[in-house]
C-alpha atoms as a PDB file:
ATOM      1  CA  UNK A   1      48.746 -10.500 -21.823  1.00  0.00           C
ATOM      2  CA  UNK A   2      45.798  -9.964 -24.165  1.00  0.00           C
ATOM      3  CA  UNK A   3      44.240 -13.249 -23.018  1.00  0.00           C
ATOM      4  CA  UNK A   4      44.714 -12.297 -19.358  1.00  0.00           C
ATOM      5  CA  UNK A   5      43.043  -8.966 -20.046  1.00  0.00           C
ATOM      6  CA  UNK A   6      40.102 -10.676 -21.711  1.00  0.00           C
ATOM      7  CA  UNK A   7      39.658 -13.090 -18.799  1.00  0.00           C
ATOM      8  CA  UNK A   8      39.790 -10.162 -16.365  1.00  0.00           C
ATOM      9  CA  UNK A   9      37.143  -8.307 -18.370  1.00  0.00           C
ATOM     10  CA  UNK A  10      34.806 -11.325 -18.351  1.00  0.00           C
ATOM     11  CA  UNK A  11      35.235 -11.900 -14.610  1.00  0.00           C
ATOM     12  CA  UNK A  12      34.689  -8.185 -13.936  1.00  0.00           C
ATOM     13  CA  UNK A  13      31.496  -8.194 -16.024  1.00  0.00           C
ATOM     14  CA  UNK A  14      30.120 -11.162 -14.101  1.00  0.00           C
ATOM     15  CA  UNK A  15      30.877  -9.983 -10.583  1.00  0.00           C
ATOM     16  CA  UNK A  16      30.983  -6.201 -10.832  1.00  0.00           C
ATOM     17  CA  UNK A  17      27.457  -5.805 -12.189  1.00  0.00           C
ATOM     18  CA  UNK A  18      25.051  -5.683  -9.213  1.00  0.00           C
ATOM     19  CA  UNK A  19      22.477  -8.422  -8.983  1.00  0.00           C
ATOM     20  CA  UNK A  20      19.057  -7.093  -9.935  1.00  0.00           C
ATOM     21  CA  UNK A  21      15.988  -8.695  -8.420  1.00  0.00           C
ATOM     22  CA  UNK A  22      13.280  -9.157 -11.007  1.00  0.00           C
ATOM     23  CA  UNK A  23      10.356  -8.889  -8.612  1.00  0.00           C
ATOM     24  CA  UNK A  24       9.429  -7.185  -5.384  1.00  0.00           C
ATOM     25  CA  UNK A  25       8.785  -9.396  -2.373  1.00  0.00           C
ATOM     26  CA  UNK A  26       5.056 -10.142  -2.389  1.00  0.00           C
ATOM     27  CA  UNK A  27       4.616  -9.353  -6.110  1.00  0.00           C
ATOM     28  CA  UNK A  28       4.129 -11.886  -8.921  1.00  0.00           C
ATOM     29  CA  UNK A  29       5.843 -11.362 -12.298  1.00  0.00           C
ATOM     30  CA  UNK A  30       3.523 -11.607 -15.309  1.00  0.00           C
ATOM     31  CA  UNK A  31       4.351 -11.857 -18.987  1.00  0.00           C
ATOM     32  CA  UNK A  32       2.553 -12.143 -22.303  1.00  0.00           C
ATOM     33  CA  UNK A  33       1.829 -15.847 -21.765  1.00  0.00           C
ATOM     34  CA  UNK A  34       0.619 -15.683 -18.163  1.00  0.00           C
ATOM     35  CA  UNK A  35      -1.140 -12.303 -17.986  1.00  0.00           C
ATOM     36  CA  UNK A  36      -4.664 -13.312 -19.041  1.00  0.00           C
ATOM     37  CA  UNK A  37      -4.471 -16.639 -17.196  1.00  0.00           C
ATOM     38  CA  UNK A  38      -3.832 -14.869 -13.899  1.00  0.00           C
ATOM     39  CA  UNK A  39      -5.823 -11.620 -14.047  1.00  0.00           C
ATOM     40  CA  UNK A  40      -9.302 -13.179 -13.882  1.00  0.00           C
ATOM     41  CA  UNK A  41      -8.521 -15.533 -11.001  1.00  0.00           C
ATOM     42  CA  UNK A  42      -8.561 -12.929  -8.215  1.00  0.00           C
ATOM     43  CA  UNK A  43     -11.076 -10.400  -6.911  1.00  0.00           C
ATOM     44  CA  UNK A  44      -8.554  -7.650  -7.600  1.00  0.00           C
ATOM     45  CA  UNK A  45      -5.117  -7.513  -9.208  1.00  0.00           C
ATOM     46  CA  UNK A  46      -2.925  -4.430  -9.038  1.00  0.00           C
ATOM     47  CA  UNK A  47      -0.407  -4.547 -11.899  1.00  0.00           C
ATOM     48  CA  UNK A  48       2.686  -2.382 -12.172  1.00  0.00           C
ATOM     49  CA  UNK A  49       3.919  -1.858 -15.729  1.00  0.00           C
ATOM     50  CA  UNK A  50       7.518  -0.712 -15.622  1.00  0.00           C
ATOM     51  CA  UNK A  51      10.921  -1.096 -17.225  1.00  0.00           C
ATOM     52  CA  UNK A  52      12.346  -4.557 -16.712  1.00  0.00           C
ATOM     53  CA  UNK A  53      14.793  -3.672 -13.939  1.00  0.00           C
ATOM     54  CA  UNK A  54      13.245  -0.815 -12.015  1.00  0.00           C
ATOM     55  CA  UNK A  55      14.957   0.978  -9.144  1.00  0.00           C
ATOM     56  CA  UNK A  56      14.737   4.207  -7.160  1.00  0.00           C
ATOM     57  CA  UNK A  57      12.284   5.743  -4.689  1.00  0.00           C
ATOM     58  CA  UNK A  58       9.145   4.763  -6.594  1.00  0.00           C
ATOM     59  CA  UNK A  59      10.290   1.159  -6.746  1.00  0.00           C
ATOM     60  CA  UNK A  60      11.046   1.214  -3.016  1.00  0.00           C
ATOM     61  CA  UNK A  61       7.501   2.434  -2.319  1.00  0.00           C
ATOM     62  CA  UNK A  62       6.090  -0.319  -4.529  1.00  0.00           C
ATOM     63  CA  UNK A  63       8.097  -2.910  -2.601  1.00  0.00           C
ATOM     64  CA  UNK A  64       6.694  -1.582   0.687  1.00  0.00           C
ATOM     65  CA  UNK A  65       3.171  -1.780  -0.686  1.00  0.00           C
ATOM     66  CA  UNK A  66       3.638  -5.289  -2.127  1.00  0.00           C
ATOM     67  CA  UNK A  67       4.911  -6.653   1.167  1.00  0.00           C
ATOM     68  CA  UNK A  68       2.244  -4.908   3.243  1.00  0.00           C
ATOM     69  CA  UNK A  69      -0.620  -6.054   1.002  1.00  0.00           C
ATOM     70  CA  UNK A  70       0.392  -9.715   1.142  1.00  0.00           C
ATOM     71  CA  UNK A  71      -1.938 -10.128   4.153  1.00  0.00           C
ATOM     72  CA  UNK A  72      -4.987  -9.461   1.930  1.00  0.00           C
ATOM     73  CA  UNK A  73      -5.874 -12.853   0.355  1.00  0.00           C
ATOM     74  CA  UNK A  74      -8.229 -11.440  -2.286  1.00  0.00           C
ATOM     75  CA  UNK A  75      -5.642  -9.057  -3.753  1.00  0.00           C
ATOM     76  CA  UNK A  76      -2.815 -10.071  -6.062  1.00  0.00           C
ATOM     77  CA  UNK A  77       0.034  -7.628  -6.615  1.00  0.00           C
ATOM     78  CA  UNK A  78       1.777  -8.213  -9.917  1.00  0.00           C
ATOM     79  CA  UNK A  79       4.321  -6.556 -12.177  1.00  0.00           C
ATOM     80  CA  UNK A  80       5.022  -6.591 -15.883  1.00  0.00           C
ATOM     81  CA  UNK A  81       8.643  -5.857 -16.738  1.00  0.00           C
ATOM     82  CA  UNK A  82       8.963  -4.326 -20.202  1.00  0.00           C
ATOM     83  CA  UNK A  83      12.259  -4.676 -22.052  1.00  0.00           C
ATOM     84  CA  UNK A  84      13.344  -2.009 -24.550  1.00  0.00           C
ATOM     85  CA  UNK A  85      16.062  -4.126 -26.115  1.00  0.00           C
ATOM     86  CA  UNK A  86      16.517  -7.478 -27.836  1.00  0.00           C
ATOM     87  CA  UNK A  87      13.203  -9.282 -28.128  1.00  0.00           C
ATOM     88  CA  UNK A  88      11.451  -6.418 -26.310  1.00  0.00           C
ATOM     89  CA  UNK A  89       9.856  -8.747 -23.799  1.00  0.00           C
ATOM     90  CA  UNK A  90       6.285  -7.793 -22.778  1.00  0.00           C
ATOM     91  CA  UNK A  91       6.281  -4.724 -25.026  1.00  0.00           C
ATOM     92  CA  UNK A  92       3.117  -6.106 -26.603  1.00  0.00           C
ATOM     93  CA  UNK A  93       1.370  -5.868 -23.216  1.00  0.00           C
ATOM     94  CA  UNK A  94       2.521  -2.254 -22.902  1.00  0.00           C
ATOM     95  CA  UNK A  95       1.082  -1.508 -26.354  1.00  0.00           C
ATOM     96  CA  UNK A  96      -2.130  -3.406 -25.610  1.00  0.00           C
ATOM     97  CA  UNK A  97      -2.925  -1.083 -22.705  1.00  0.00           C
ATOM     98  CA  UNK A  98      -1.749   2.075 -24.510  1.00  0.00           C
ATOM     99  CA  UNK A  99       1.024   2.762 -22.020  1.00  0.00           C
ATOM    100  CA  UNK A 100       3.838   5.170 -22.866  1.00  0.00           C
ATOM    101  CA  UNK A 101       7.280   4.181 -21.628  1.00  0.00           C
ATOM    102  CA  UNK A 102       7.804   7.770 -20.475  1.00  0.00           C
ATOM    103  CA  UNK A 103       4.996   7.278 -17.953  1.00  0.00           C
ATOM    104  CA  UNK A 104       6.587   4.274 -16.194  1.00  0.00           C
ATOM    105  CA  UNK A 105       5.734   3.085 -13.611  1.00  0.00           C
ATOM    106  CA  UNK A 106       2.056   2.744 -14.570  1.00  0.00           C
ATOM    107  CA  UNK A 107      -0.388   1.052 -12.186  1.00  0.00           C
ATOM    108  CA  UNK A 108      -3.680  -0.511 -13.233  1.00  0.00           C
ATOM    109  CA  UNK A 109      -6.243  -2.234 -11.008  1.00  0.00           C
ATOM    110  CA  UNK A 110      -8.068  -5.145 -12.626  1.00  0.00           C
ATOM    111  CA  UNK A 111     -11.250  -6.325 -10.914  1.00  0.00           C
ATOM    112  CA  UNK A 112     -12.882  -9.698 -11.427  1.00  0.00           C
ATOM    113  CA  UNK A 113     -15.709  -9.652 -13.992  1.00  0.00           C
ATOM    114  CA  UNK A 114     -14.846  -6.100 -15.019  1.00  0.00           C
ATOM    115  CA  UNK A 115     -13.250  -5.607 -18.427  1.00  0.00           C
ATOM    116  CA  UNK A 116     -12.112  -2.063 -17.696  1.00  0.00           C
ATOM    117  CA  UNK A 117      -9.041  -1.473 -15.534  1.00  0.00           C
ATOM    118  CA  UNK A 118      -8.869   1.469 -13.118  1.00  0.00           C
ATOM    119  CA  UNK A 119      -5.821   3.698 -13.549  1.00  0.00           C
ATOM    120  CA  UNK A 120      -3.835   4.943 -10.565  1.00  0.00           C
ATOM    121  CA  UNK A 121      -3.159   8.675 -10.939  1.00  0.00           C
ATOM    122  CA  UNK A 122      -1.614   9.594  -7.594  1.00  0.00           C
ATOM    123  CA  UNK A 123       1.890   9.962  -6.275  1.00  0.00           C
ATOM    124  CA  UNK A 124       3.641   6.593  -6.020  1.00  0.00           C
ATOM    125  CA  UNK A 125       3.657   6.028  -2.283  1.00  0.00           C
ATOM    126  CA  UNK A 126       2.856   2.800  -0.435  1.00  0.00           C
ATOM    127  CA  UNK A 127      -0.025   4.405   1.493  1.00  0.00           C
ATOM    128  CA  UNK A 128      -1.443   6.033  -1.644  1.00  0.00           C
ATOM    129  CA  UNK A 129      -1.456   2.669  -3.448  1.00  0.00           C
ATOM    130  CA  UNK A 130      -3.184   1.066  -0.441  1.00  0.00           C
ATOM    131  CA  UNK A 131      -5.826   3.786  -0.405  1.00  0.00           C
ATOM    132  CA  UNK A 132      -6.340   3.432  -4.162  1.00  0.00           C
ATOM    133  CA  UNK A 133      -6.937  -0.315  -3.881  1.00  0.00           C
ATOM    134  CA  UNK A 134      -9.183   0.119  -0.847  1.00  0.00           C
ATOM    135  CA  UNK A 135     -11.297   2.818  -2.500  1.00  0.00           C
ATOM    136  CA  UNK A 136     -11.703   0.996  -5.814  1.00  0.00           C
ATOM    137  CA  UNK A 137     -12.034  -2.610  -4.650  1.00  0.00           C
ATOM    138  CA  UNK A 138     -13.172  -2.243  -1.011  1.00  0.00           C
ATOM    139  CA  UNK A 139     -10.428  -4.685  -0.016  1.00  0.00           C
ATOM    140  CA  UNK A 140      -8.807  -3.796   3.282  1.00  0.00           C
ATOM    141  CA  UNK A 141      -5.053  -3.227   3.458  1.00  0.00           C
ATOM    142  CA  UNK A 142      -4.187  -2.020   6.899  1.00  0.00           C
ATOM    143  CA  UNK A 143      -1.153  -0.519   8.528  1.00  0.00           C
ATOM    144  CA  UNK A 144       0.928  -3.013  10.590  1.00  0.00           C
ATOM    145  CA  UNK A 145      -0.746  -2.205  13.941  1.00  0.00           C
ATOM    146  CA  UNK A 146      -4.275  -1.712  12.644  1.00  0.00           C
ATOM    147  CA  UNK A 147      -7.390  -3.885  12.931  1.00  0.00           C
ATOM    148  CA  UNK A 148      -9.806  -4.262  10.020  1.00  0.00           C
ATOM    149  CA  UNK A 149     -13.091  -4.044  11.962  1.00  0.00           C
ATOM    150  CA  UNK A 150     -11.996  -0.820  13.678  1.00  0.00           C
ATOM    151  CA  UNK A 151     -10.648   0.622  10.420  1.00  0.00           C
ATOM    152  CA  UNK A 152     -14.073   0.069   8.852  1.00  0.00           C
ATOM    153  CA  UNK A 153     -15.684   1.977  11.729  1.00  0.00           C
ATOM    154  CA  UNK A 154     -13.147   4.782  11.177  1.00  0.00           C
ATOM    155  CA  UNK A 155     -14.242   4.946   7.524  1.00  0.00           C
ATOM    156  CA  UNK A 156     -17.850   5.102   8.650  1.00  0.00           C
ATOM    157  CA  UNK A 157     -17.102   7.832  11.190  1.00  0.00           C
ATOM    158  CA  UNK A 158     -15.128  10.064   8.841  1.00  0.00           C
ATOM    159  CA  UNK A 159     -17.574   9.501   6.006  1.00  0.00           C
ATOM    160  CA  UNK A 160     -20.502  10.723   8.093  1.00  0.00           C
ATOM    161  CA  UNK A 161     -21.731  14.009   9.487  1.00  0.00           C
ATOM    162  CA  UNK A 162     -20.651  14.898  13.039  1.00  0.00           C
ATOM    163  CA  UNK A 163     -24.234  14.344  14.193  1.00  0.00           C
ATOM    164  CA  UNK A 164     -23.724  10.625  13.574  1.00  0.00           C
ATOM    165  CA  UNK A 165     -20.456  10.333  15.509  1.00  0.00           C
ATOM    166  CA  UNK A 166     -22.057   9.218  18.777  1.00  0.00           C
ATOM    167  CA  UNK A 167     -23.743   6.169  17.235  1.00  0.00           C
ATOM    168  CA  UNK A 168     -20.551   5.053  15.486  1.00  0.00           C
ATOM    169  CA  UNK A 169     -18.470   5.523  18.640  1.00  0.00           C
ATOM    170  CA  UNK A 170     -21.037   3.432  20.510  1.00  0.00           C
ATOM    171  CA  UNK A 171     -20.582   0.660  17.908  1.00  0.00           C
ATOM    172  CA  UNK A 172     -16.799   0.847  18.350  1.00  0.00           C
ATOM    173  CA  UNK A 173     -17.181   0.616  22.126  1.00  0.00           C
ATOM    174  CA  UNK A 174     -19.360  -2.484  21.738  1.00  0.00           C
ATOM    175  CA  UNK A 175     -16.758  -4.143  19.494  1.00  0.00           C
ATOM    176  CA  UNK A 176     -14.098  -3.292  22.072  1.00  0.00           C
ATOM    177  CA  UNK A 177     -16.237  -4.649  24.894  1.00  0.00           C
ATOM    178  CA  UNK A 178     -16.830  -7.953  23.083  1.00  0.00           C
ATOM    179  CA  UNK A 179     -13.163  -8.499  22.254  1.00  0.00           C
ATOM    180  CA  UNK A 180     -11.479 -11.303  24.195  1.00  0.00           C
ATOM    181  CA  UNK A 181      -7.953 -10.698  22.897  1.00  0.00           C
ATOM    182  CA  UNK A 182      -5.906  -8.450  25.192  1.00  0.00           C
ATOM    183  CA  UNK A 183      -3.727  -7.100  22.387  1.00  0.00           C
ATOM    184  CA  UNK A 184      -6.789  -6.310  20.291  1.00  0.00           C
ATOM    185  CA  UNK A 185      -8.459  -4.608  23.275  1.00  0.00           C
ATOM    186  CA  UNK A 186      -5.407  -2.379  23.842  1.00  0.00           C
ATOM    187  CA  UNK A 187      -5.354  -1.423  20.157  1.00  0.00           C
ATOM    188  CA  UNK A 188      -9.123  -0.925  20.010  1.00  0.00           C
ATOM    189  CA  UNK A 189      -8.923   1.388  22.996  1.00  0.00           C
ATOM    190  CA  UNK A 190      -6.684   3.739  20.989  1.00  0.00           C
ATOM    191  CA  UNK A 191      -9.244   3.762  18.170  1.00  0.00           C
ATOM    192  CA  UNK A 192     -12.115   4.606  20.508  1.00  0.00           C
ATOM    193  CA  UNK A 193     -10.192   7.361  22.309  1.00  0.00           C
ATOM    194  CA  UNK A 194      -9.182   8.882  18.951  1.00  0.00           C
ATOM    195  CA  UNK A 195     -12.798   8.825  17.772  1.00  0.00           C
ATOM    196  CA  UNK A 196     -13.872  10.636  20.931  1.00  0.00           C
ATOM    197  CA  UNK A 197     -11.173  13.267  20.406  1.00  0.00           C
ATOM    198  CA  UNK A 198     -12.478  13.835  16.862  1.00  0.00           C
ATOM    199  CA  UNK A 199     -15.986  14.195  18.263  1.00  0.00           C
ATOM    200  CA  UNK A 200     -14.683  16.750  20.758  1.00  0.00           C
ATOM    201  CA  UNK A 201     -12.185  18.695  18.634  1.00  0.00           C
ATOM    202  CA  UNK A 202     -13.120  17.984  15.004  1.00  0.00           C
ATOM    203  CA  UNK A 203     -11.369  16.055  12.223  1.00  0.00           C
ATOM    204  CA  UNK A 204      -8.353  18.382  12.191  1.00  0.00           C
ATOM    205  CA  UNK A 205      -7.335  16.733  15.472  1.00  0.00           C
ATOM    206  CA  UNK A 206      -5.992  13.790  13.421  1.00  0.00           C
ATOM    207  CA  UNK A 207      -3.388  15.828  11.529  1.00  0.00           C
ATOM    208  CA  UNK A 208      -2.238  17.725  14.610  1.00  0.00           C
ATOM    209  CA  UNK A 209      -1.904  14.487  16.592  1.00  0.00           C
ATOM    210  CA  UNK A 210       0.074  12.827  13.774  1.00  0.00           C
ATOM    211  CA  UNK A 211       2.483  15.780  13.810  1.00  0.00           C
ATOM    212  CA  UNK A 212       2.791  15.579  17.606  1.00  0.00           C
ATOM    213  CA  UNK A 213       3.544  11.837  17.618  1.00  0.00           C
ATOM    214  CA  UNK A 214       6.037  12.161  14.759  1.00  0.00           C
ATOM    215  CA  UNK A 215       7.860  14.830  16.765  1.00  0.00           C
ATOM    216  CA  UNK A 216       7.902  12.622  19.877  1.00  0.00           C
ATOM    217  CA  UNK A 217       9.407   9.764  17.871  1.00  0.00           C
ATOM    218  CA  UNK A 218      12.411  11.960  17.086  1.00  0.00           C
ATOM    219  CA  UNK A 219      13.138  12.502  20.779  1.00  0.00           C
ATOM    220  CA  UNK A 220      15.369  10.266  22.874  1.00  0.00           C
ATOM    221  CA  UNK A 221      12.906   7.693  24.179  1.00  0.00           C
ATOM    222  CA  UNK A 222      13.008   4.076  25.290  1.00  0.00           C
ATOM    223  CA  UNK A 223      12.403   1.281  22.787  1.00  0.00           C
ATOM    224  CA  UNK A 224       9.144   0.468  24.568  1.00  0.00           C
ATOM    225  CA  UNK A 225       7.919   4.057  24.198  1.00  0.00           C
ATOM    226  CA  UNK A 226       9.024   4.073  20.567  1.00  0.00           C
ATOM    227  CA  UNK A 227       6.931   0.957  19.858  1.00  0.00           C
ATOM    228  CA  UNK A 228       3.934   2.534  21.589  1.00  0.00           C
ATOM    229  CA  UNK A 229       4.243   5.712  19.531  1.00  0.00           C
ATOM    230  CA  UNK A 230       4.693   3.736  16.294  1.00  0.00           C
ATOM    231  CA  UNK A 231       1.540   1.782  17.057  1.00  0.00           C
ATOM    232  CA  UNK A 232      -0.350   5.003  17.716  1.00  0.00           C
ATOM    233  CA  UNK A 233       1.027   6.535  14.520  1.00  0.00           C
ATOM    234  CA  UNK A 234      -0.126   3.551  12.423  1.00  0.00           C
ATOM    235  CA  UNK A 235      -3.646   3.911  13.814  1.00  0.00           C
ATOM    236  CA  UNK A 236      -3.638   7.687  13.312  1.00  0.00           C
ATOM    237  CA  UNK A 237      -2.443   7.164   9.736  1.00  0.00           C
ATOM    238  CA  UNK A 238      -5.463   4.925   9.180  1.00  0.00           C
ATOM    239  CA  UNK A 239      -7.690   7.800  10.390  1.00  0.00           C
ATOM    240  CA  UNK A 240      -5.775  10.153   8.123  1.00  0.00           C
ATOM    241  CA  UNK A 241      -6.270   7.927   5.082  1.00  0.00           C
ATOM    242  CA  UNK A 242      -9.995   7.584   5.765  1.00  0.00           C
ATOM    243  CA  UNK A 243     -10.229  11.349   6.215  1.00  0.00           C
ATOM    244  CA  UNK A 244      -8.546  11.902   2.845  1.00  0.00           C
ATOM    245  CA  UNK A 245     -10.750   9.296   1.191  1.00  0.00           C
ATOM    246  CA  UNK A 246     -13.827  11.067   2.507  1.00  0.00           C
ATOM    247  CA  UNK A 247     -12.634  14.349   0.979  1.00  0.00           C
ATOM    248  CA  UNK A 248     -12.009  12.708  -2.413  1.00  0.00           C
ATOM    249  CA  UNK A 249     -15.523  11.284  -2.502  1.00  0.00           C
ATOM    250  CA  UNK A 250     -17.113  14.701  -1.905  1.00  0.00           C
END
């Protein structure tokens, strides 16, 4: 009976404990041996220092960010899992960067040819991490339905005085006119119309329109309408992020 109980306990330990994924999809695990070999190879590397098996809302946001940023070839997203027990794996890296375990997760952006890392101080949200990387490395990480060249014009628009809006909108219209891709033209049209609304109503239009579209998405609508609203919301979120970035730089 004792042997049967022991076997049951072993089987329970193997199968009852949930499988824990060591890394987020799109993120590369680094350790003491690989850290320095990898960091200098990319234009920018965002590293998450965290306990070895992280979970919860902050980890979910990191996973969203890691997957979304995989489209940016010059950015590497990495994570260092720090163990508190046994051999205390990677604890030397934690100590090297003066990180307190109580502050986990800690994010640091390492830029090529720059010995000093930039610390992320914001709320751990996928969009906030994207904005942080964009602001500090100038690498573009767009929302799913966004287009880089239009996003850059949005940054220019919301970083300028209203007297310069007309010239930037003209540039956006020219980009739209020269586009030969129908999908890109349809998306670019939303950008241009939103820019014109900002010119007409001011930058607060962005927040009010985001709220309106979010409300519409909660209504009973067709799948086609839902996709249209989601696309519009992604583009508006890009305007919102650029608007916030402009405020932070003031």
